[in-house]
Protein backbone atom coordinates (compact mmCIF):
# COMPACT_ATOMS: atom_id res chain seq x y z
CA MET A 1 88.84 133.46 32.27
CA GLY A 2 91.87 135.14 31.66
CA GLN A 3 91.29 135.36 28.36
CA ARG A 4 87.51 136.32 28.75
CA LYS A 5 89.24 139.68 30.90
CA ALA A 6 91.81 140.04 28.36
CA VAL A 7 88.76 140.46 25.82
CA THR A 8 86.47 142.88 28.33
CA ALA A 9 89.40 144.67 29.26
CA LYS A 10 89.52 145.48 25.51
CA LEU A 11 85.83 146.62 24.76
CA ALA A 12 85.35 148.35 28.07
CA LEU A 13 86.73 151.54 26.94
CA ALA A 14 84.96 151.57 23.51
CA TYR A 15 81.36 150.65 25.34
CA ARG A 16 81.71 153.38 27.01
CA ARG A 17 82.44 155.82 24.63
CA GLY A 18 80.39 154.31 21.96
CA SER A 19 76.40 155.12 21.34
CA ARG A 20 73.62 153.23 21.88
CA LYS A 21 73.52 151.20 18.82
CA ASP A 22 77.40 150.71 19.25
CA LYS A 23 77.15 149.38 23.34
CA SER A 24 74.39 147.18 21.37
CA ARG A 25 76.97 145.42 18.49
CA ILE A 26 79.74 145.66 21.46
CA LEU A 27 78.03 143.45 23.90
CA ASN A 28 76.44 140.58 21.03
CA GLU A 29 80.28 140.44 20.20
CA LEU A 30 81.07 140.18 23.80
CA CYS A 31 78.55 137.51 24.43
CA GLU A 32 79.52 134.91 21.28
CA LEU A 33 83.02 135.08 22.22
CA THR A 34 82.67 134.05 26.05
CA GLY A 35 79.53 132.39 26.13
CA TRP A 36 78.43 134.75 28.85
CA ASN A 37 74.48 136.09 28.84
CA ARG A 38 73.75 140.03 28.24
CA ASP A 39 73.31 141.28 31.87
CA TRP A 40 76.79 139.60 32.70
CA ALA A 41 78.63 140.72 29.94
CA ARG A 42 76.89 144.12 30.73
CA ALA A 43 77.86 144.22 34.42
CA GLN A 44 81.77 143.00 33.27
CA LEU A 45 82.17 145.86 31.14
CA ARG A 46 80.74 148.32 33.63
CA LEU A 47 83.31 147.33 36.02
CA VAL A 48 86.62 147.58 34.19
CA GLY A 49 88.36 150.55 35.17
CA THR A 50 86.10 150.79 38.46
CA VAL A 51 87.95 151.20 41.93
CA ARG A 52 85.30 148.30 44.23
CA PRO A 53 84.76 150.05 47.57
CA ALA A 54 86.47 147.44 50.29
CA PRO A 55 83.76 145.72 52.56
CA ALA A 56 83.11 147.34 55.50
CA ALA A 57 84.78 146.12 58.54
CA ARG A 58 81.78 144.12 61.08
CA THR A 59 82.71 145.58 64.11
CA ARG A 60 81.19 143.71 67.18
CA ARG A 61 80.57 145.30 70.41
CA PRO A 62 82.83 143.68 72.68
CA ILE A 63 81.01 140.69 75.29
CA TYR A 64 83.75 140.78 78.03
CA THR A 65 84.87 143.82 79.60
CA GLU A 66 87.98 144.53 80.94
CA ALA A 67 87.43 144.32 84.23
CA GLU A 68 85.93 140.63 83.37
CA VAL A 69 89.40 140.12 81.36
CA ASP A 70 91.51 140.75 84.60
CA ALA A 71 89.15 138.73 87.18
CA LEU A 72 90.03 135.93 84.73
CA ALA A 73 93.16 136.48 84.64
CA LYS A 74 93.59 136.49 88.13
CA VAL A 75 91.53 133.50 88.75
CA TRP A 76 94.00 131.61 86.41
CA ARG A 77 97.44 132.91 88.30
CA ILE A 78 95.79 131.77 91.55
CA SER A 79 95.16 128.52 89.84
CA ARG A 80 98.75 128.01 88.72
CA CYS A 81 97.77 128.61 85.07
CA PRO A 82 95.84 125.56 83.47
CA THR A 83 94.69 125.83 79.82
CA GLY A 84 91.31 126.59 79.01
CA LYS A 85 89.46 123.32 79.67
CA ARG A 86 90.82 123.03 82.80
CA LEU A 87 90.06 126.12 84.45
CA GLN A 88 86.33 126.57 82.82
CA PRO A 89 84.64 123.70 85.23
CA MET A 90 86.40 125.43 88.24
CA LEU A 91 85.02 128.77 87.33
CA GLN A 92 81.79 127.81 88.95
CA ILE A 93 83.50 127.14 92.31
CA LEU A 94 86.73 129.48 92.20
CA VAL A 95 84.50 132.71 91.43
CA PRO A 96 81.82 132.80 94.43
CA LEU A 97 85.18 131.28 96.67
CA LEU A 98 87.51 134.36 95.31
CA ARG A 99 84.44 137.09 95.37
CA ALA A 100 83.59 136.01 99.41
CA GLU A 101 87.38 136.24 100.12
CA GLY A 102 87.77 139.88 98.30
CA ALA A 103 90.08 138.71 95.94
CA LEU A 104 88.10 139.31 93.32
CA ARG A 105 86.30 142.52 93.09
CA ILE A 106 82.70 142.66 90.48
CA THR A 107 79.37 142.75 90.16
CA ASP A 108 77.07 139.86 90.36
CA ARG A 109 76.27 140.46 86.50
CA GLN A 110 80.31 140.48 85.87
CA ALA A 111 80.59 137.40 87.86
CA ARG A 112 78.05 135.52 85.98
CA HIS A 113 79.52 136.92 82.79
CA LEU A 114 82.78 135.37 83.55
CA MET A 115 81.40 131.88 85.23
CA ALA A 116 79.73 131.49 81.11
CA MET A 117 82.96 132.18 78.98
CA SER A 118 83.77 129.01 76.93
CA ALA A 119 87.17 127.48 77.06
CA ALA A 120 88.35 129.02 74.18
CA THR A 121 87.41 132.18 74.77
CA ILE A 122 89.43 131.42 78.23
CA ASP A 123 92.57 130.82 75.75
CA ARG A 124 92.02 133.74 73.27
CA ARG A 125 91.87 135.74 76.27
CA LEU A 126 95.04 134.53 78.07
CA ALA A 127 97.16 133.67 74.97
CA PRO A 128 99.42 137.36 76.14
CA GLU A 129 99.84 135.96 79.48
CA ARG A 130 100.26 132.36 78.38
CA ALA A 131 103.14 132.95 75.80
CA ARG A 132 105.34 134.30 78.67
CA LEU A 133 105.74 130.50 79.68
CA VAL A 134 108.85 129.00 78.02
CA PRO A 135 109.18 125.13 79.52
CA ARG A 136 113.61 123.85 79.39
CA GLY A 137 114.98 121.36 81.50
CA ARG A 138 117.59 118.30 81.86
CA SER A 139 117.30 115.01 82.65
CA HIS A 140 119.92 113.31 85.45
CA THR A 141 118.85 109.88 85.52
CA LYS A 142 121.24 107.28 85.90
CA PRO A 143 120.73 103.81 85.35
CA GLY A 144 120.51 101.37 88.03
CA THR A 145 121.62 97.91 86.40
CA LEU A 146 121.28 95.65 89.83
CA LEU A 147 117.87 94.15 90.50
CA LYS A 148 116.38 94.99 86.99
CA SER A 149 115.56 91.27 86.54
CA GLN A 150 113.62 91.16 89.49
CA ILE A 151 110.99 94.41 88.76
CA PRO A 152 109.06 93.77 86.14
CA ILE A 153 108.38 96.59 83.15
CA ARG A 154 105.68 98.30 82.66
CA THR A 155 104.32 100.84 80.24
CA TRP A 156 101.72 103.57 80.21
CA ALA A 157 99.57 101.42 78.73
CA ASP A 158 99.22 99.01 81.50
CA TRP A 159 97.30 101.29 83.47
CA ASP A 160 94.10 100.65 82.03
CA ASP A 161 92.81 99.29 85.39
CA ALA A 162 94.67 101.58 87.71
CA ARG A 163 92.78 102.21 91.14
CA PRO A 164 93.83 104.94 93.81
CA GLY A 165 97.19 104.03 95.68
CA PHE A 166 99.75 103.03 92.60
CA VAL A 167 101.59 105.85 92.19
CA GLU A 168 104.43 106.96 89.58
CA ILE A 169 107.80 108.70 91.11
CA ASP A 170 110.11 110.46 89.70
CA LEU A 171 113.57 112.97 90.94
CA VAL A 172 113.43 116.96 89.44
CA ALA A 173 116.96 117.94 89.18
CA HIS A 174 117.76 121.36 90.63
CA GLU A 175 121.26 122.14 88.92
CA GLY A 176 120.77 125.29 87.46
CA GLY A 177 122.58 124.09 84.42
CA ASP A 178 125.46 123.40 85.98
CA PRO A 179 125.43 119.62 87.22
CA ARG A 180 128.90 120.13 89.38
CA GLY A 181 128.47 118.71 92.60
CA GLU A 182 125.76 117.63 94.95
CA PHE A 183 122.38 120.07 94.44
CA CYS A 184 119.05 119.50 95.71
CA HIS A 185 116.31 117.23 93.96
CA THR A 186 112.68 116.80 94.43
CA LEU A 187 111.04 113.71 94.52
CA ASP A 188 107.46 113.90 92.71
CA VAL A 189 104.98 111.03 93.36
CA THR A 190 101.82 111.09 90.91
CA ASP A 191 98.94 108.78 92.18
CA VAL A 192 97.55 106.88 88.30
CA ALA A 193 94.11 107.05 88.97
CA THR A 194 93.19 110.16 90.68
CA GLY A 195 96.11 112.92 89.82
CA TRP A 196 97.18 113.35 93.77
CA THR A 197 100.76 114.60 93.98
CA GLU A 198 103.16 115.04 96.71
CA LEU A 199 106.44 116.56 96.54
CA ARG A 200 110.01 116.56 99.07
CA ALA A 201 113.03 117.86 98.29
CA VAL A 202 116.06 116.08 99.13
CA PRO A 203 119.77 117.41 99.47
CA ASN A 204 120.94 115.44 96.54
CA LYS A 205 119.84 112.07 94.81
CA ALA A 206 121.63 109.11 97.55
CA GLN A 207 119.69 106.43 98.24
CA LYS A 208 118.91 106.82 101.82
CA TRP A 209 117.64 110.55 101.48
CA VAL A 210 115.55 109.41 98.47
CA PHE A 211 114.11 106.70 100.39
CA ALA A 212 113.01 108.59 103.67
CA ALA A 213 111.38 111.36 101.57
CA LEU A 214 109.35 108.51 99.97
CA LEU A 215 108.41 107.12 103.78
CA GLU A 216 107.41 110.44 104.61
CA ILE A 217 105.05 110.65 101.35
CA THR A 218 103.39 107.46 102.06
CA ALA A 219 102.48 108.16 105.32
CA ALA A 220 100.57 111.86 103.95
CA PHE A 221 98.96 110.07 101.07
CA PRO A 222 95.31 110.36 101.71
CA PHE A 223 94.90 106.60 100.53
CA PRO A 224 97.05 103.77 100.76
CA VAL A 225 100.00 103.29 98.46
CA ARG A 226 99.38 99.46 96.95
CA GLY A 227 102.04 100.22 94.08
CA ILE A 228 105.27 102.03 92.99
CA ASP A 229 106.46 103.23 89.01
CA SER A 230 109.62 104.36 88.82
CA ASP A 231 112.47 104.90 86.08
CA ASN A 232 115.53 102.93 85.91
CA GLY A 233 117.83 105.31 88.36
CA SER A 234 120.07 103.47 91.31
CA GLU A 235 117.91 106.29 93.49
CA PHE A 236 114.88 103.73 93.15
CA ILE A 237 116.37 100.24 91.64
CA ASN A 238 117.85 99.43 94.98
CA ALA A 239 117.53 96.62 97.35
CA GLN A 240 116.19 99.08 99.89
CA LEU A 241 113.24 99.88 97.94
CA LEU A 242 112.29 96.49 96.20
CA ARG A 243 112.46 94.60 100.40
CA TYR A 244 110.40 97.75 101.97
CA CYS A 245 107.79 97.05 98.82
CA GLU A 246 107.90 93.45 99.29
CA GLN A 247 107.47 93.54 103.17
CA ASN A 248 104.67 95.80 102.85
CA LYS A 249 102.96 94.14 99.90
CA ILE A 250 103.35 96.83 97.07
CA THR A 251 103.52 96.41 93.63
CA PHE A 252 107.01 98.08 92.02
CA THR A 253 107.11 98.28 88.80
CA ARG A 254 109.87 100.09 86.42
CA SER A 255 109.95 101.87 82.94
CA ARG A 256 111.90 100.37 80.15
CA ALA A 257 114.51 101.77 79.79
CA GLY A 258 115.30 105.64 77.34
CA ARG A 259 111.63 105.48 77.61
CA LYS A 260 110.30 108.69 79.24
CA ASN A 261 106.73 108.21 78.31
CA ASP A 262 106.07 105.38 80.39
CA GLY A 263 106.40 107.21 83.32
CA ALA A 264 103.67 109.68 81.71
CA TYR A 265 101.85 110.79 84.47
CA VAL A 266 104.40 111.66 86.98
CA GLU A 267 106.84 113.56 84.09
CA GLN A 268 103.92 115.90 83.22
CA LYS A 269 104.01 116.71 86.78
CA ASN A 270 107.74 117.89 86.77
CA TRP A 271 106.60 121.22 84.56
CA SER A 272 102.89 121.93 85.68
CA VAL A 273 103.89 121.36 89.05
CA VAL A 274 107.45 121.67 90.14
CA ARG A 275 109.05 124.16 87.52
CA GLN A 276 105.83 125.86 87.51
CA ALA A 277 106.56 127.17 91.29
CA VAL A 278 110.06 126.97 91.62
CA GLY A 279 111.71 127.45 88.23
CA TYR A 280 115.12 126.26 87.21
CA HIS A 281 117.60 127.87 89.53
CA ARG A 282 120.44 126.03 91.40
CA TYR A 283 119.24 124.95 94.84
CA ASP A 284 122.20 123.59 96.98
CA THR A 285 122.16 124.99 100.68
CA ASP A 286 120.39 123.68 103.61
CA ALA A 287 118.51 127.06 103.87
CA GLU A 288 117.22 126.77 100.03
CA LEU A 289 115.94 123.23 100.91
CA ALA A 290 114.21 124.32 103.75
CA LEU A 291 112.43 126.61 101.45
CA LEU A 292 111.44 124.32 98.93
CA ASN A 293 109.88 121.86 101.33
CA GLN A 294 108.12 124.85 102.96
CA VAL A 295 107.23 125.69 99.40
CA TYR A 296 105.95 122.14 98.34
CA ALA A 297 104.26 121.80 101.68
CA LEU A 298 101.41 124.54 100.78
CA LEU A 299 101.92 123.43 96.78
CA ARG A 300 100.34 120.00 97.37
CA LEU A 301 97.27 122.14 98.77
CA MET A 302 96.69 124.46 95.92
CA THR A 303 97.44 121.31 93.40
CA ASN A 304 95.26 119.08 94.76
CA PHE A 305 92.53 120.98 96.11
CA PHE A 306 92.15 123.82 93.77
CA CYS A 307 94.13 122.88 90.54
CA PRO A 308 92.13 121.37 87.61
CA GLN A 309 93.23 118.24 85.76
CA GLN A 310 92.06 116.71 82.67
CA LYS A 311 92.50 112.59 81.03
CA LEU A 312 92.68 111.19 78.27
CA LEU A 313 89.89 108.42 77.23
CA SER A 314 90.60 107.99 74.19
CA LYS A 315 92.90 108.49 70.60
CA HIS A 316 92.40 107.72 67.73
CA ARG A 317 94.47 107.69 64.65
CA THR A 318 93.76 108.20 60.88
CA GLY A 319 96.70 108.81 58.84
CA ALA A 320 98.62 111.37 60.18
CA LYS A 321 95.71 112.71 62.46
CA VAL A 322 95.73 112.06 66.13
CA THR A 323 92.01 112.86 67.61
CA LYS A 324 92.11 112.70 70.84
CA HIS A 325 89.20 112.80 73.85
CA TYR A 326 89.64 113.78 77.30
CA ASP A 327 87.35 114.06 80.37
CA THR A 328 85.70 117.17 81.99
CA ALA A 329 88.79 119.31 84.02
CA LYS A 330 88.52 117.77 87.95
CA THR A 331 90.85 118.47 90.09
CA PRO A 332 92.27 115.61 92.12
CA TYR A 333 90.31 115.80 95.46
CA GLN A 334 87.23 115.70 92.89
CA ARG A 335 87.95 112.43 91.63
CA VAL A 336 88.78 110.84 95.40
CA LEU A 337 85.12 112.16 96.34
CA ALA A 338 83.93 109.91 92.73
CA ASP A 339 85.59 107.19 92.88
CA PRO A 340 83.90 104.41 94.90
CA ARG A 341 86.93 102.66 96.20
CA VAL A 342 88.08 104.97 98.34
CA PRO A 343 86.28 104.48 101.61
CA ASP A 344 83.95 106.65 103.22
CA LYS A 345 85.69 107.67 106.07
CA ILE A 346 88.73 109.32 104.04
CA LYS A 347 86.41 111.57 101.83
CA THR A 348 84.94 112.73 104.85
CA GLY A 349 88.19 113.66 106.15
CA LEU A 350 89.55 115.78 103.29
CA THR A 351 86.22 117.57 102.42
CA ARG A 352 86.41 118.63 106.70
CA GLN A 353 90.39 119.90 105.58
CA TYR A 354 88.89 121.45 101.93
CA GLN A 355 86.43 123.85 103.93
CA GLN A 356 89.21 125.51 105.88
CA LEU A 357 91.49 126.08 102.93
CA ASN A 358 91.54 129.55 101.18
CA PRO A 359 92.68 129.32 97.49
CA ALA A 360 93.54 132.96 97.49
CA GLN A 361 95.79 132.67 100.90
CA LEU A 362 97.46 129.61 99.42
CA ARG A 363 98.73 131.67 96.87
CA ARG A 364 100.13 134.93 98.62
CA ASP A 365 101.05 132.24 100.88
CA LEU A 366 103.36 129.94 97.94
CA LEU A 367 104.68 133.98 96.41
CA ALA A 368 105.79 135.18 99.70
CA LEU A 369 107.72 131.39 100.14
CA ASN A 370 108.89 131.62 96.32
CA ASP A 371 110.51 134.96 97.21
CA LYS A 372 112.22 134.44 99.80
CA LEU A 373 113.90 131.51 97.80
CA LEU A 374 114.85 133.99 95.25
CA ASP A 375 116.40 136.26 97.68
CA ALA A 376 118.10 133.36 99.22
CA THR A 377 119.41 132.11 95.51
CA ARG A 378 120.53 135.74 94.80
CA ALA A 379 122.30 136.19 98.11
CA LYS A 380 124.36 133.12 97.84
CA HIS A 381 125.49 133.76 94.33
CA ALA A 382 126.42 137.14 95.26
CA ALA A 383 128.68 136.13 98.01
CA ARG A 384 130.19 133.24 96.18
CA GLN A 385 131.31 135.63 93.65
CA ARG A 386 133.14 137.87 96.44
CA SER A 387 134.92 135.31 97.98
CA HIS A 388 136.17 134.12 94.00
CA ALA A 389 137.28 137.93 93.28
CA PRO A 390 140.64 138.58 92.55
CA ALA A 391 142.96 139.59 95.75
CA SER A 392 144.35 143.02 94.65
CA HIS A 393 148.48 143.15 93.94
CA PRO A 394 150.39 145.24 96.70
CA TRP A 395 152.00 147.06 93.30
CA SER A 396 148.37 148.26 92.51
CA GLN A 397 148.23 150.88 94.39
CA THR A 398 150.47 153.89 94.71
CA THR A 399 151.05 156.12 97.90
CA THR A 400 150.48 160.29 97.13
CA PRO A 401 153.01 162.55 99.07
CA HIS A 402 150.64 162.76 102.34
CA GLY A 403 151.15 158.89 102.50
CA THR A 404 147.36 157.69 101.49
CA ALA A 405 146.12 155.17 99.10
CA ARG A 406 146.01 155.85 95.31
CA GLN A 407 144.21 153.91 92.79
CA PRO A 408 146.26 153.72 89.67
CA ALA A 409 145.26 156.16 86.98
CA GLN A 410 144.26 153.48 84.15
CA GLN A 411 141.79 152.19 87.34
CA ARG A 412 140.41 156.35 88.58
CA SER A 413 139.70 156.70 84.62
CA ARG A 414 137.21 153.78 84.30
CA PRO A 415 134.02 153.56 86.23
CA SER A 416 133.36 150.68 88.48
CA THR A 417 131.20 148.51 87.07
CA THR A 418 131.69 145.76 89.72
CA ARG A 419 128.18 146.08 91.50
CA ALA A 420 126.18 146.21 87.75
CA SER A 421 128.39 142.76 86.46
CA ALA A 422 127.63 141.40 89.55
CA ASP A 423 123.72 141.36 89.20
CA GLU A 424 124.04 140.83 86.02
CA ALA A 425 125.47 138.03 86.55
CA THR A 426 123.47 136.84 89.45
CA THR A 427 120.29 137.80 88.63
CA PRO A 428 118.09 134.59 88.30
CA ARG A 429 115.68 133.77 85.38
CA SER A 430 111.99 134.60 86.58
CA ARG A 431 109.54 132.55 87.62
CA ALA A 432 106.90 131.64 85.19
CA ASN A 433 104.00 132.29 87.32
């Protein structure tokens, strides 16, 4: 093809300038050399040296208006930033609820457009908002060596027959990048079958605090806890929890050491529920502990009743390609209602509670508590910086002839940056949502 183009380019100028007889001769020579037919050869000779116009860009009128995209972003934020496949089934529920409450001010036509939006379009429209979320974290699990032989191992693949009541538990550390001293932890308990999640904040990872929080959570669960699966941390692998499980006929299992994916159901909640709500700051005071538990009291309602989740149905590997199939996104509350193993009395109580909830108001209350938590953290850091500031030396001040204290010339000539540097050092990382 390169040789054909070179011959065509060499003959094209003579073809344009030649007479009718010359053009016929050049055309015959080109067809003999290249094997083209006369029509195609003639077209190629005419194209050489001409500039092809660029094809006109296809312009399509946008389907979704700016108001509809803004309404979608608001629903997404209220739902705590799910993916498009998880948010799309919930639009039929959340859009009418939020319009009735006044949180969404859109017309009936815009509401129909919004509820008909596909999952792929939702992801495209929300891509700029989603790009701001940057996950990070660290583990503080210390192995508990006692009683391991008495607690059987369970992996993520062993949950095929899970029914409501079998839970995975884990601790989330709030050290803020500084693991020294004591700091708060969050006990995360997630039901494997329904995804129901309960959270409690504890002052540290001591066995007594974790066990007391676990008792509170099991009492608050909508159905009885039948099994507990934990990692190998000493806060879980201890005689007290083992004795409690034996007395209450609760199956107690543990994951393999160094295999975080064995607790995949609860590990994913550490980011999607805990970190997105309270971030990565250091919480180590009684005031912050109380605020964390206030946040979790509202967060359990928002997560379990209004945040859709997907479950993996199958996974197939073909060479290096892995194909996964998920079910339709549902909230934990919807999964509890659809499970025939849950008694009707429990379903009736949850339905009554669901009818009294307002997702927009829950979101506003959560953001207000997050602001209080952020202010408490900033005030704590500012107070600690002031207490650690070096004291001024008596010789650092001189006396004027009138007996008043005067700062040295070196300090007077430089503007004070104490407040600015303190603000920079104590401003916590902004919330992900």
